[in-house]
PDB file of N, CA and C in Angstrom:
ATOM      1  N   MET A   1       0.841  -1.163   0.000  1.00  0.00           N
ATOM      2  CA  MET A   1       0.000   0.000   0.000  1.00  0.00           C
ATOM      3  C   MET A   1       0.896   1.239   0.000  1.00  0.00           C
ATOM      4  N   HIS A   2       0.457   2.288  -0.645  1.00  0.00           N
ATOM      5  CA  HIS A   2       1.155   3.568  -0.658  1.00  0.00           C
ATOM      6  C   HIS A   2       0.477   4.494   0.351  1.00  0.00           C
ATOM      7  N   LEU A   3       1.241   4.901   1.371  1.00  0.00           N
ATOM      8  CA  LEU A   3       0.692   5.715   2.455  1.00  0.00           C
ATOM      9  C   LEU A   3       1.380   7.065   2.558  1.00  0.00           C
ATOM     10  N   LEU A   4       0.623   8.057   3.017  1.00  0.00           N
ATOM     11  CA  LEU A   4       1.171   9.374   3.321  1.00  0.00           C
ATOM     12  C   LEU A   4       1.098   9.591   4.819  1.00  0.00           C
ATOM     13  N   THR A   5       2.241   9.941   5.401  1.00  0.00           N
ATOM     14  CA  THR A   5       2.262  10.344   6.805  1.00  0.00           C
ATOM     15  C   THR A   5       2.771  11.776   6.868  1.00  0.00           C
ATOM     16  N   ARG A   6       2.515  12.413   7.990  1.00  0.00           N
ATOM     17  CA  ARG A   6       2.985  13.786   8.193  1.00  0.00           C
ATOM     18  C   ARG A   6       3.775  13.839   9.488  1.00  0.00           C
ATOM     19  N   GLY A   7       4.822  14.651   9.466  1.00  0.00           N
ATOM     20  CA  GLY A   7       5.570  14.890  10.697  1.00  0.00           C
ATOM     21  C   GLY A   7       6.450  13.749  11.155  1.00  0.00           C
ATOM     22  N   ALA A   8       7.019  12.993  10.239  1.00  0.00           N
ATOM     23  CA  ALA A   8       7.836  11.836  10.621  1.00  0.00           C
ATOM     24  C   ALA A   8       9.134  12.207  11.317  1.00  0.00           C
ATOM     25  N   THR A   9       9.473  13.482  11.347  1.00  0.00           N
ATOM     26  CA  THR A   9      10.684  13.888  12.058  1.00  0.00           C
ATOM     27  C   THR A   9      10.438  14.062  13.553  1.00  0.00           C
ATOM     28  N   GLY A  10       9.181  14.067  13.963  1.00  0.00           N
ATOM     29  CA  GLY A  10       8.839  14.190  15.381  1.00  0.00           C
ATOM     30  C   GLY A  10       8.397  12.855  15.951  1.00  0.00           C
ATOM     31  N   PRO A  11       8.333  12.756  17.267  1.00  0.00           N
ATOM     32  CA  PRO A  11       7.991  11.480  17.896  1.00  0.00           C
ATOM     33  C   PRO A  11       6.584  10.983  17.566  1.00  0.00           C
ATOM     34  N   THR A  12       5.613  11.871  17.442  1.00  0.00           N
ATOM     35  CA  THR A  12       4.244  11.442  17.168  1.00  0.00           C
ATOM     36  C   THR A  12       4.093  10.974  15.724  1.00  0.00           C
ATOM     37  N   GLY A  13       4.669  11.686  14.787  1.00  0.00           N
ATOM     38  CA  GLY A  13       4.580  11.302  13.381  1.00  0.00           C
ATOM     39  C   GLY A  13       5.454  10.114  13.027  1.00  0.00           C
ATOM     40  N   ARG A  14       6.484   9.887  13.816  1.00  0.00           N
ATOM     41  CA  ARG A  14       7.397   8.769  13.548  1.00  0.00           C
ATOM     42  C   ARG A  14       6.722   7.425  13.810  1.00  0.00           C
ATOM     43  N   ILE A  15       5.819   7.372  14.775  1.00  0.00           N
ATOM     44  CA  ILE A  15       5.169   6.106  15.135  1.00  0.00           C
ATOM     45  C   ILE A  15       4.410   5.493  13.953  1.00  0.00           C
ATOM     46  N   PRO A  16       3.463   6.209  13.327  1.00  0.00           N
ATOM     47  CA  PRO A  16       2.753   5.580  12.211  1.00  0.00           C
ATOM     48  C   PRO A  16       3.665   5.320  11.007  1.00  0.00           C
ATOM     49  N   THR A  17       4.698   6.140  10.853  1.00  0.00           N
ATOM     50  CA  THR A  17       5.647   5.922   9.758  1.00  0.00           C
ATOM     51  C   THR A  17       6.394   4.617   9.974  1.00  0.00           C
ATOM     52  N   ASP A  18       6.914   4.406  11.169  1.00  0.00           N
ATOM     53  CA  ASP A  18       7.619   3.158  11.481  1.00  0.00           C
ATOM     54  C   ASP A  18       6.706   1.944  11.350  1.00  0.00           C
ATOM     55  N   LEU A  19       5.472   2.051  11.823  1.00  0.00           N
ATOM     56  CA  LEU A  19       4.532   0.933  11.722  1.00  0.00           C
ATOM     57  C   LEU A  19       4.240   0.583  10.272  1.00  0.00           C
ATOM     58  N   ALA A  20       4.060   1.587   9.444  1.00  0.00           N
ATOM     59  CA  ALA A  20       3.790   1.338   8.028  1.00  0.00           C
ATOM     60  C   ALA A  20       4.983   0.674   7.353  1.00  0.00           C
ATOM     61  N   LEU A  21       6.173   1.147   7.649  1.00  0.00           N
ATOM     62  CA  LEU A  21       7.363   0.548   7.058  1.00  0.00           C
ATOM     63  C   LEU A  21       7.538  -0.899   7.500  1.00  0.00           C
ATOM     64  N   ARG A  22       7.297  -1.172   8.772  1.00  0.00           N
ATOM     65  CA  ARG A  22       7.405  -2.548   9.279  1.00  0.00           C
ATOM     66  C   ARG A  22       6.382  -3.470   8.637  1.00  0.00           C
ATOM     67  N   SER A  23       5.257  -2.900   8.201  1.00  0.00           N
ATOM     68  CA  SER A  23       4.221  -3.689   7.541  1.00  0.00           C
ATOM     69  C   SER A  23       4.516  -3.892   6.058  1.00  0.00           C
ATOM     70  N   GLY A  24       5.587  -3.289   5.586  1.00  0.00           N
ATOM     71  CA  GLY A  24       5.966  -3.446   4.190  1.00  0.00           C
ATOM     72  C   GLY A  24       5.333  -2.437   3.251  1.00  0.00           C
ATOM     73  N   ASP A  25       4.725  -1.402   3.803  1.00  0.00           N
ATOM     74  CA  ASP A  25       4.086  -0.386   2.976  1.00  0.00           C
ATOM     75  C   ASP A  25       5.121   0.593   2.419  1.00  0.00           C
ATOM     76  N   SER A  26       4.773   1.214   1.306  1.00  0.00           N
ATOM     77  CA  SER A  26       5.562   2.287   0.724  1.00  0.00           C
ATOM     78  C   SER A  26       5.074   3.589   1.349  1.00  0.00           C
ATOM     79  N   VAL A  27       5.992   4.373   1.911  1.00  0.00           N
ATOM     80  CA  VAL A  27       5.599   5.557   2.678  1.00  0.00           C
ATOM     81  C   VAL A  27       6.165   6.833   2.061  1.00  0.00           C
ATOM     82  N   THR A  28       5.273   7.794   1.847  1.00  0.00           N
ATOM     83  CA  THR A  28       5.643   9.162   1.519  1.00  0.00           C
ATOM     84  C   THR A  28       5.361   9.964   2.769  1.00  0.00           C
ATOM     85  N   THR A  29       6.292  10.819   3.161  1.00  0.00           N
ATOM     86  CA  THR A  29       6.063  11.614   4.358  1.00  0.00           C
ATOM     87  C   THR A  29       6.258  13.091   4.069  1.00  0.00           C
ATOM     88  N   LEU A  30       5.313  13.885   4.526  1.00  0.00           N
ATOM     89  CA  LEU A  30       5.354  15.338   4.378  1.00  0.00           C
ATOM     90  C   LEU A  30       6.041  15.916   5.604  1.00  0.00           C
ATOM     91  N   VAL A  31       7.186  16.554   5.381  1.00  0.00           N
ATOM     92  CA  VAL A  31       7.968  17.127   6.478  1.00  0.00           C
ATOM     93  C   VAL A  31       8.474  18.509   6.085  1.00  0.00           C
ATOM     94  N   ARG A  32       8.668  19.354   7.073  1.00  0.00           N
ATOM     95  CA  ARG A  32       9.214  20.690   6.798  1.00  0.00           C
ATOM     96  C   ARG A  32      10.649  20.616   6.295  1.00  0.00           C
ATOM     97  N   ASN A  33      11.430  19.718   6.888  1.00  0.00           N
ATOM     98  CA  ASN A  33      12.847  19.614   6.560  1.00  0.00           C
ATOM     99  C   ASN A  33      13.223  18.152   6.317  1.00  0.00           C
ATOM    100  N   PRO A  34      13.272  17.712   5.067  1.00  0.00           N
ATOM    101  CA  PRO A  34      13.614  16.315   4.786  1.00  0.00           C
ATOM    102  C   PRO A  34      14.980  15.891   5.342  1.00  0.00           C
ATOM    103  N   GLU A  35      15.914  16.815   5.473  1.00  0.00           N
ATOM    104  CA  GLU A  35      17.234  16.475   6.027  1.00  0.00           C
ATOM    105  C   GLU A  35      17.121  15.973   7.468  1.00  0.00           C
ATOM    106  N   ALA A  36      16.092  16.409   8.181  1.00  0.00           N
ATOM    107  CA  ALA A  36      15.909  16.016   9.582  1.00  0.00           C
ATOM    108  C   ALA A  36      15.435  14.569   9.731  1.00  0.00           C
ATOM    109  N   LEU A  37      15.125  13.903   8.625  1.00  0.00           N
ATOM    110  CA  LEU A  37      14.673  12.513   8.702  1.00  0.00           C
ATOM    111  C   LEU A  37      15.792  11.557   9.105  1.00  0.00           C
ATOM    112  N   GLY A  38      17.023  11.960   8.927  1.00  0.00           N
ATOM    113  CA  GLY A  38      18.152  11.110   9.308  1.00  0.00           C
ATOM    114  C   GLY A  38      18.102   9.768   8.610  1.00  0.00           C
ATOM    115  N   ASP A  39      18.239   8.685   9.375  1.00  0.00           N
ATOM    116  CA  ASP A  39      18.266   7.331   8.822  1.00  0.00           C
ATOM    117  C   ASP A  39      16.965   6.947   8.125  1.00  0.00           C
ATOM    118  N   LEU A  40      15.888   7.594   8.474  1.00  0.00           N
ATOM    119  CA  LEU A  40      14.583   7.287   7.879  1.00  0.00           C
ATOM    120  C   LEU A  40      14.505   7.754   6.421  1.00  0.00           C
ATOM    121  N   ARG A  41      15.322   8.708   6.047  1.00  0.00           N
ATOM    122  CA  ARG A  41      15.254   9.301   4.715  1.00  0.00           C
ATOM    123  C   ARG A  41      15.433   8.274   3.599  1.00  0.00           C
ATOM    124  N   GLU A  42      16.229   7.255   3.832  1.00  0.00           N
ATOM    125  CA  GLU A  42      16.471   6.219   2.815  1.00  0.00           C
ATOM    126  C   GLU A  42      15.303   5.243   2.689  1.00  0.00           C
ATOM    127  N   GLN A  43      14.391   5.255   3.652  1.00  0.00           N
ATOM    128  CA  GLN A  43      13.292   4.291   3.665  1.00  0.00           C
ATOM    129  C   GLN A  43      11.960   4.862   3.196  1.00  0.00           C
ATOM    130  N   VAL A  44      11.863   6.177   3.076  1.00  0.00           N
ATOM    131  CA  VAL A  44      10.614   6.841   2.707  1.00  0.00           C
ATOM    132  C   VAL A  44      10.845   7.757   1.512  1.00  0.00           C
ATOM    133  N   THR A  45       9.755   8.241   0.943  1.00  0.00           N
ATOM    134  CA  THR A  45       9.825   9.283  -0.068  1.00  0.00           C
ATOM    135  C   THR A  45       9.482  10.591   0.630  1.00  0.00           C
ATOM    136  N   PRO A  46      10.472  11.434   0.887  1.00  0.00           N
ATOM    137  CA  PRO A  46      10.188  12.683   1.592  1.00  0.00           C
ATOM    138  C   PRO A  46       9.640  13.746   0.646  1.00  0.00           C
ATOM    139  N   VAL A  47       8.672  14.502   1.137  1.00  0.00           N
ATOM    140  CA  VAL A  47       8.129  15.642   0.418  1.00  0.00           C
ATOM    141  C   VAL A  47       8.235  16.837   1.357  1.00  0.00           C
ATOM    142  N   ALA A  48       8.950  17.859   0.917  1.00  0.00           N
ATOM    143  CA  ALA A  48       9.099  19.061   1.738  1.00  0.00           C
ATOM    144  C   ALA A  48       7.835  19.891   1.651  1.00  0.00           C
ATOM    145  N   GLY A  49       7.315  20.298   2.800  1.00  0.00           N
ATOM    146  CA  GLY A  49       6.123  21.128   2.813  1.00  0.00           C
ATOM    147  C   GLY A  49       5.647  21.390   4.218  1.00  0.00           C
ATOM    148  N   ASP A  50       4.544  22.093   4.286  1.00  0.00           N
ATOM    149  CA  ASP A  50       3.940  22.498   5.554  1.00  0.00           C
ATOM    150  C   ASP A  50       2.649  21.717   5.749  1.00  0.00           C
ATOM    151  N   ALA A  51       2.577  20.944   6.816  1.00  0.00           N
ATOM    152  CA  ALA A  51       1.405  20.115   7.083  1.00  0.00           C
ATOM    153  C   ALA A  51       0.145  20.927   7.356  1.00  0.00           C
ATOM    154  N   THR A  52       0.290  22.232   7.592  1.00  0.00           N
ATOM    155  CA  THR A  52      -0.891  23.075   7.800  1.00  0.00           C
ATOM    156  C   THR A  52      -1.340  23.749   6.507  1.00  0.00           C
ATOM    157  N   SER A  53      -0.622  23.499   5.426  1.00  0.00           N
ATOM    158  CA  SER A  53      -0.966  24.075   4.130  1.00  0.00           C
ATOM    159  C   SER A  53      -1.785  23.073   3.318  1.00  0.00           C
ATOM    160  N   GLN A  54      -3.016  23.436   2.988  1.00  0.00           N
ATOM    161  CA  GLN A  54      -3.867  22.546   2.204  1.00  0.00           C
ATOM    162  C   GLN A  54      -3.194  22.206   0.872  1.00  0.00           C
ATOM    163  N   HIS A  55      -2.565  23.173   0.244  1.00  0.00           N
ATOM    164  CA  HIS A  55      -1.893  22.948  -1.030  1.00  0.00           C
ATOM    165  C   HIS A  55      -0.796  21.892  -0.891  1.00  0.00           C
ATOM    166  N   ASP A  56       0.057  22.019   0.136  1.00  0.00           N
ATOM    167  CA  ASP A  56       1.152  21.077   0.340  1.00  0.00           C
ATOM    168  C   ASP A  56       0.644  19.676   0.660  1.00  0.00           C
ATOM    169  N   VAL A  57      -0.394  19.589   1.483  1.00  0.00           N
ATOM    170  CA  VAL A  57      -0.942  18.273   1.853  1.00  0.00           C
ATOM    171  C   VAL A  57      -1.558  17.596   0.630  1.00  0.00           C
ATOM    172  N   LEU A  58      -2.332  18.328  -0.152  1.00  0.00           N
ATOM    173  CA  LEU A  58      -2.952  17.745  -1.341  1.00  0.00           C
ATOM    174  C   LEU A  58      -1.901  17.314  -2.363  1.00  0.00           C
ATOM    175  N   ALA A  59      -0.854  18.105  -2.527  1.00  0.00           N
ATOM    176  CA  ALA A  59       0.218  17.743  -3.457  1.00  0.00           C
ATOM    177  C   ALA A  59       0.925  16.465  -3.000  1.00  0.00           C
ATOM    178  N   ALA A  60       1.196  16.348  -1.702  1.00  0.00           N
ATOM    179  CA  ALA A  60       1.864  15.159  -1.171  1.00  0.00           C
ATOM    180  C   ALA A  60       0.962  13.931  -1.235  1.00  0.00           C
ATOM    181  N   ALA A  61      -0.348  14.137  -1.148  1.00  0.00           N
ATOM    182  CA  ALA A  61      -1.300  13.027  -1.125  1.00  0.00           C
ATOM    183  C   ALA A  61      -1.591  12.454  -2.510  1.00  0.00           C
ATOM    184  N   ALA A  62      -1.207  13.156  -3.554  1.00  0.00           N
ATOM    185  CA  ALA A  62      -1.477  12.677  -4.911  1.00  0.00           C
ATOM    186  C   ALA A  62      -0.864  11.300  -5.117  1.00  0.00           C
ATOM    187  N   GLY A  63      -1.678  10.358  -5.548  1.00  0.00           N
ATOM    188  CA  GLY A  63      -1.214   9.007  -5.827  1.00  0.00           C
ATOM    189  C   GLY A  63      -1.139   8.086  -4.626  1.00  0.00           C
ATOM    190  N   GLN A  64      -1.477   8.574  -3.454  1.00  0.00           N
ATOM    191  CA  GLN A  64      -1.430   7.741  -2.248  1.00  0.00           C
ATOM    192  C   GLN A  64      -2.750   6.998  -2.073  1.00  0.00           C
ATOM    193  N   GLU A  65      -2.674   5.796  -1.522  1.00  0.00           N
ATOM    194  CA  GLU A  65      -3.874   5.009  -1.271  1.00  0.00           C
ATOM    195  C   GLU A  65      -4.496   5.322   0.080  1.00  0.00           C
ATOM    196  N   SER A  66      -3.699   5.852   0.983  1.00  0.00           N
ATOM    197  CA  SER A  66      -4.195   6.128   2.324  1.00  0.00           C
ATOM    198  C   SER A  66      -3.386   7.258   2.927  1.00  0.00           C
ATOM    199  N   ARG A  67      -4.035   7.990   3.841  1.00  0.00           N
ATOM    200  CA  ARG A  67      -3.375   9.065   4.568  1.00  0.00           C
ATOM    201  C   ARG A  67      -3.642   8.859   6.046  1.00  0.00           C
ATOM    202  N   GLY A  68      -2.676   9.224   6.864  1.00  0.00           N
ATOM    203  CA  GLY A  68      -2.855   9.075   8.295  1.00  0.00           C
ATOM    204  C   GLY A  68      -2.511  10.350   9.018  1.00  0.00           C
ATOM    205  N   SER A  69      -3.159  10.555  10.125  1.00  0.00           N
ATOM    206  CA  SER A  69      -2.861  11.698  10.962  1.00  0.00           C
ATOM    207  C   SER A  69      -2.959  11.268  12.404  1.00  0.00           C
ATOM    208  N   VAL A  70      -1.975  11.651  13.177  1.00  0.00           N
ATOM    209  CA  VAL A  70      -1.960  11.331  14.597  1.00  0.00           C
ATOM    210  C   VAL A  70      -1.933  12.648  15.347  1.00  0.00           C
ATOM    211  N   THR A  71      -2.872  12.815  16.249  1.00  0.00           N
ATOM    212  CA  THR A  71      -2.932  14.029  17.050  1.00  0.00           C
ATOM    213  C   THR A  71      -2.749  13.641  18.508  1.00  0.00           C
ATOM    214  N   ASP A  72      -1.874  14.340  19.186  1.00  0.00           N
ATOM    215  CA  ASP A  72      -1.594  14.072  20.584  1.00  0.00           C
ATOM    216  C   ASP A  72      -2.434  15.030  21.421  1.00  0.00           C
ATOM    217  N   HIS A  73      -3.278  14.500  22.280  1.00  0.00           N
ATOM    218  CA  HIS A  73      -4.105  15.317  23.154  1.00  0.00           C
ATOM    219  C   HIS A  73      -3.514  15.340  24.557  1.00  0.00           C
ATOM    220  N   VAL A  74      -3.364  16.520  25.090  1.00  0.00           N
ATOM    221  CA  VAL A  74      -2.842  16.655  26.447  1.00  0.00           C
ATOM    222  C   VAL A  74      -3.940  17.278  27.297  1.00  0.00           C
ATOM    223  N   HIS A  75      -4.275  16.625  28.373  1.00  0.00           N
ATOM    224  CA  HIS A  75      -5.281  17.124  29.290  1.00  0.00           C
ATOM    225  C   HIS A  75      -4.590  17.537  30.593  1.00  0.00           C
ATOM    226  N   GLY A  76      -4.906  18.755  31.052  1.00  0.00           N
ATOM    227  CA  GLY A  76      -4.228  19.281  32.247  1.00  0.00           C
ATOM    228  C   GLY A  76      -4.871  18.907  33.455  1.00  0.00           C
TER     229      GLY A  76
END
């Protein structure tokens, strides 16, 4: 499956990216700075962009079979 994840350079976005890769999926990830992917860069297709930009998200999502989003909720 071809998947799009966002924010794979951070701890929350890295989780679904790692899970998809372990499942054998092809992963495209939308990140502000592809260089920050480190070792992950060789395993994914990085797309530079802003996850809050509708234009960037739609461009990165082209050709993907699925998209994922993980939101961390903090309750005080």
